[in-house]
Amino acid sequence: MRMRRNRREKMTYNLECSITGEQFVTTAKAPNPKDLLSVKAYYEMHPEMDDRPAIIKKKLGVTDIPEEKH
């Protein structure tokens, strides 16, 4: 007779962005869940830090896309 090991179930945590209200599910516990921001909210607060490619910004509907100079 072969014994089966019990597998540990992963704990999931439901988190929410404090600005946009987006819901997230993660397996890691957040130290400060009230201070979490989504990527969208972060880039809205810090547009100068937005280094995503123009094609990604276009897909997401970001309105202030600078034109690339060739």
N, C-alpha and C. Protein backbone atom coordinates (compact mmCIF):
# COMPACT_ATOMS: atom_id res chain seq x y z
N MET A 1 0.84 -1.17 0.00
CA MET A 1 0.00 0.00 0.00
C MET A 1 0.89 1.24 0.00
N ARG A 2 0.57 2.16 -0.87
CA ARG A 2 1.37 3.37 -1.03
C ARG A 2 0.69 4.53 -0.30
N MET A 3 1.44 5.25 0.51
CA MET A 3 0.90 6.39 1.27
C MET A 3 1.01 7.66 0.42
N ARG A 4 -0.01 8.45 0.45
CA ARG A 4 0.01 9.74 -0.27
C ARG A 4 0.34 10.86 0.70
N ARG A 5 1.14 11.75 0.25
CA ARG A 5 1.43 12.94 1.05
C ARG A 5 0.33 13.96 0.84
N ASN A 6 -0.01 14.62 1.89
CA ASN A 6 -0.98 15.70 1.75
C ASN A 6 -0.28 16.92 1.16
N ARG A 7 -0.86 17.44 0.13
CA ARG A 7 -0.28 18.64 -0.48
C ARG A 7 -0.77 19.86 0.27
N ARG A 8 0.14 20.78 0.45
CA ARG A 8 -0.24 22.04 1.10
C ARG A 8 -1.07 22.87 0.15
N GLU A 9 -2.14 23.38 0.63
CA GLU A 9 -2.95 24.27 -0.19
C GLU A 9 -2.36 25.66 -0.11
N LYS A 10 -2.31 26.33 -1.25
CA LYS A 10 -1.79 27.69 -1.27
C LYS A 10 -2.86 28.65 -0.78
N MET A 11 -2.45 29.54 0.08
CA MET A 11 -3.36 30.58 0.57
C MET A 11 -3.44 31.66 -0.50
N THR A 12 -4.62 32.16 -0.76
CA THR A 12 -4.77 33.27 -1.69
C THR A 12 -5.32 34.46 -0.94
N TYR A 13 -4.91 35.62 -1.37
CA TYR A 13 -5.32 36.88 -0.75
C TYR A 13 -5.97 37.75 -1.81
N ASN A 14 -7.13 38.30 -1.49
CA ASN A 14 -7.82 39.22 -2.39
C ASN A 14 -7.43 40.63 -1.98
N LEU A 15 -6.83 41.35 -2.91
CA LEU A 15 -6.35 42.70 -2.64
C LEU A 15 -7.03 43.68 -3.58
N GLU A 16 -7.02 44.95 -3.21
CA GLU A 16 -7.66 45.97 -4.02
C GLU A 16 -6.75 47.20 -4.11
N CYS A 17 -6.67 47.77 -5.31
CA CYS A 17 -5.91 49.00 -5.52
C CYS A 17 -6.63 50.13 -4.80
N SER A 18 -5.89 50.93 -4.04
CA SER A 18 -6.52 51.98 -3.25
C SER A 18 -7.00 53.16 -4.09
N ILE A 19 -6.53 53.29 -5.34
CA ILE A 19 -6.94 54.41 -6.19
C ILE A 19 -7.98 53.99 -7.22
N THR A 20 -7.69 52.94 -7.99
CA THR A 20 -8.60 52.55 -9.07
C THR A 20 -9.66 51.55 -8.63
N GLY A 21 -9.45 50.88 -7.52
CA GLY A 21 -10.41 49.89 -7.05
C GLY A 21 -10.31 48.55 -7.75
N GLU A 22 -9.27 48.34 -8.55
CA GLU A 22 -9.08 47.06 -9.24
C GLU A 22 -8.84 45.95 -8.21
N GLN A 23 -9.40 44.78 -8.48
CA GLN A 23 -9.27 43.63 -7.59
C GLN A 23 -8.15 42.72 -8.09
N PHE A 24 -7.34 42.19 -7.17
CA PHE A 24 -6.25 41.29 -7.49
C PHE A 24 -6.30 40.09 -6.56
N VAL A 25 -5.83 38.95 -7.05
CA VAL A 25 -5.68 37.75 -6.23
C VAL A 25 -4.21 37.38 -6.28
N THR A 26 -3.61 37.17 -5.13
CA THR A 26 -2.20 36.83 -5.07
C THR A 26 -1.97 35.76 -4.02
N THR A 27 -0.83 35.10 -4.09
CA THR A 27 -0.51 34.07 -3.10
C THR A 27 0.45 34.60 -2.04
N ALA A 28 0.90 35.83 -2.19
CA ALA A 28 1.79 36.43 -1.21
C ALA A 28 1.02 37.45 -0.38
N LYS A 29 1.28 37.45 0.91
CA LYS A 29 0.60 38.38 1.80
C LYS A 29 1.31 39.74 1.71
N ALA A 30 0.54 40.79 1.55
CA ALA A 30 1.10 42.14 1.43
C ALA A 30 1.31 42.72 2.83
N PRO A 31 2.47 43.35 3.06
CA PRO A 31 2.71 43.93 4.38
C PRO A 31 1.77 45.11 4.67
N ASN A 32 1.45 45.91 3.65
CA ASN A 32 0.56 47.06 3.80
C ASN A 32 -0.50 47.03 2.70
N PRO A 33 -1.54 46.23 2.84
CA PRO A 33 -2.52 46.10 1.75
C PRO A 33 -3.28 47.38 1.43
N LYS A 34 -3.36 48.30 2.36
CA LYS A 34 -4.07 49.56 2.12
C LYS A 34 -3.26 50.50 1.21
N ASP A 35 -1.95 50.27 1.09
CA ASP A 35 -1.08 51.14 0.30
C ASP A 35 -0.79 50.60 -1.09
N LEU A 36 -1.45 49.53 -1.52
CA LEU A 36 -1.16 48.92 -2.82
C LEU A 36 -1.72 49.75 -3.96
N LEU A 37 -0.94 49.81 -5.05
CA LEU A 37 -1.35 50.51 -6.27
C LEU A 37 -1.26 49.55 -7.44
N SER A 38 -2.14 49.71 -8.40
CA SER A 38 -2.03 48.95 -9.63
C SER A 38 -0.99 49.64 -10.51
N VAL A 39 -0.55 48.94 -11.53
CA VAL A 39 0.43 49.51 -12.47
C VAL A 39 -0.18 50.74 -13.15
N LYS A 40 -1.45 50.63 -13.52
CA LYS A 40 -2.14 51.75 -14.16
C LYS A 40 -2.15 52.99 -13.26
N ALA A 41 -2.46 52.80 -11.98
CA ALA A 41 -2.51 53.92 -11.04
C ALA A 41 -1.12 54.51 -10.83
N TYR A 42 -0.09 53.67 -10.77
CA TYR A 42 1.27 54.15 -10.58
C TYR A 42 1.69 55.07 -11.73
N TYR A 43 1.43 54.61 -12.97
CA TYR A 43 1.83 55.41 -14.12
C TYR A 43 0.98 56.66 -14.28
N GLU A 44 -0.25 56.65 -13.77
CA GLU A 44 -1.05 57.87 -13.77
C GLU A 44 -0.47 58.89 -12.80
N MET A 45 0.07 58.42 -11.69
CA MET A 45 0.66 59.31 -10.70
C MET A 45 2.06 59.78 -11.11
N HIS A 46 2.79 58.94 -11.85
CA HIS A 46 4.17 59.24 -12.25
C HIS A 46 4.33 59.07 -13.76
N PRO A 47 3.74 59.94 -14.58
CA PRO A 47 3.84 59.77 -16.03
C PRO A 47 5.27 59.89 -16.55
N GLU A 48 6.14 60.59 -15.86
CA GLU A 48 7.53 60.73 -16.31
C GLU A 48 8.30 59.41 -16.16
N MET A 49 7.81 58.49 -15.36
CA MET A 49 8.47 57.20 -15.16
C MET A 49 7.95 56.13 -16.12
N ASP A 50 6.98 56.46 -16.97
CA ASP A 50 6.35 55.49 -17.86
C ASP A 50 7.30 55.16 -19.02
N ASP A 51 7.97 54.00 -18.92
CA ASP A 51 8.93 53.59 -19.93
C ASP A 51 8.41 52.44 -20.78
N ARG A 52 7.10 52.23 -20.76
CA ARG A 52 6.52 51.15 -21.57
C ARG A 52 6.61 51.53 -23.05
N PRO A 53 6.74 50.53 -23.94
CA PRO A 53 6.79 50.82 -25.37
C PRO A 53 5.48 51.47 -25.85
N ALA A 54 5.57 52.26 -26.92
CA ALA A 54 4.41 52.99 -27.44
C ALA A 54 3.29 52.04 -27.85
N ILE A 55 3.62 50.87 -28.37
CA ILE A 55 2.59 49.93 -28.81
C ILE A 55 1.76 49.42 -27.62
N ILE A 56 2.40 49.24 -26.47
CA ILE A 56 1.70 48.82 -25.26
C ILE A 56 0.79 49.94 -24.77
N LYS A 57 1.30 51.16 -24.79
CA LYS A 57 0.49 52.31 -24.36
C LYS A 57 -0.73 52.46 -25.26
N LYS A 58 -0.54 52.21 -26.55
CA LYS A 58 -1.64 52.33 -27.50
C LYS A 58 -2.70 51.27 -27.23
N LYS A 59 -2.28 50.03 -26.93
CA LYS A 59 -3.21 48.95 -26.62
C LYS A 59 -4.00 49.25 -25.34
N LEU A 60 -3.35 49.89 -24.37
CA LEU A 60 -4.00 50.19 -23.11
C LEU A 60 -4.83 51.47 -23.16
N GLY A 61 -4.69 52.23 -24.22
CA GLY A 61 -5.48 53.45 -24.38
C GLY A 61 -4.92 54.65 -23.65
N VAL A 62 -3.61 54.69 -23.44
CA VAL A 62 -2.98 55.85 -22.82
C VAL A 62 -3.03 56.99 -23.83
N THR A 63 -3.54 58.14 -23.42
CA THR A 63 -3.79 59.23 -24.37
C THR A 63 -2.56 60.07 -24.68
N ASP A 64 -1.66 60.25 -23.76
CA ASP A 64 -0.50 61.12 -23.99
C ASP A 64 0.72 60.33 -24.42
N ILE A 65 0.68 59.81 -25.65
CA ILE A 65 1.79 59.06 -26.22
C ILE A 65 2.65 60.01 -27.03
N PRO A 66 3.91 60.22 -26.63
CA PRO A 66 4.79 61.12 -27.42
C PRO A 66 5.15 60.45 -28.73
N GLU A 67 5.22 61.25 -29.77
CA GLU A 67 5.59 60.75 -31.10
C GLU A 67 7.08 60.44 -31.12
N GLU A 68 7.44 59.33 -31.75
CA GLU A 68 8.83 58.95 -31.88
C GLU A 68 9.45 59.66 -33.05
N LYS A 69 10.68 60.20 -32.87
CA LYS A 69 11.40 60.86 -33.95
C LYS A 69 12.32 59.86 -34.61
N HIS A 70 12.34 59.86 -35.94
CA HIS A 70 13.18 58.92 -36.68
C HIS A 70 14.39 59.62 -37.23
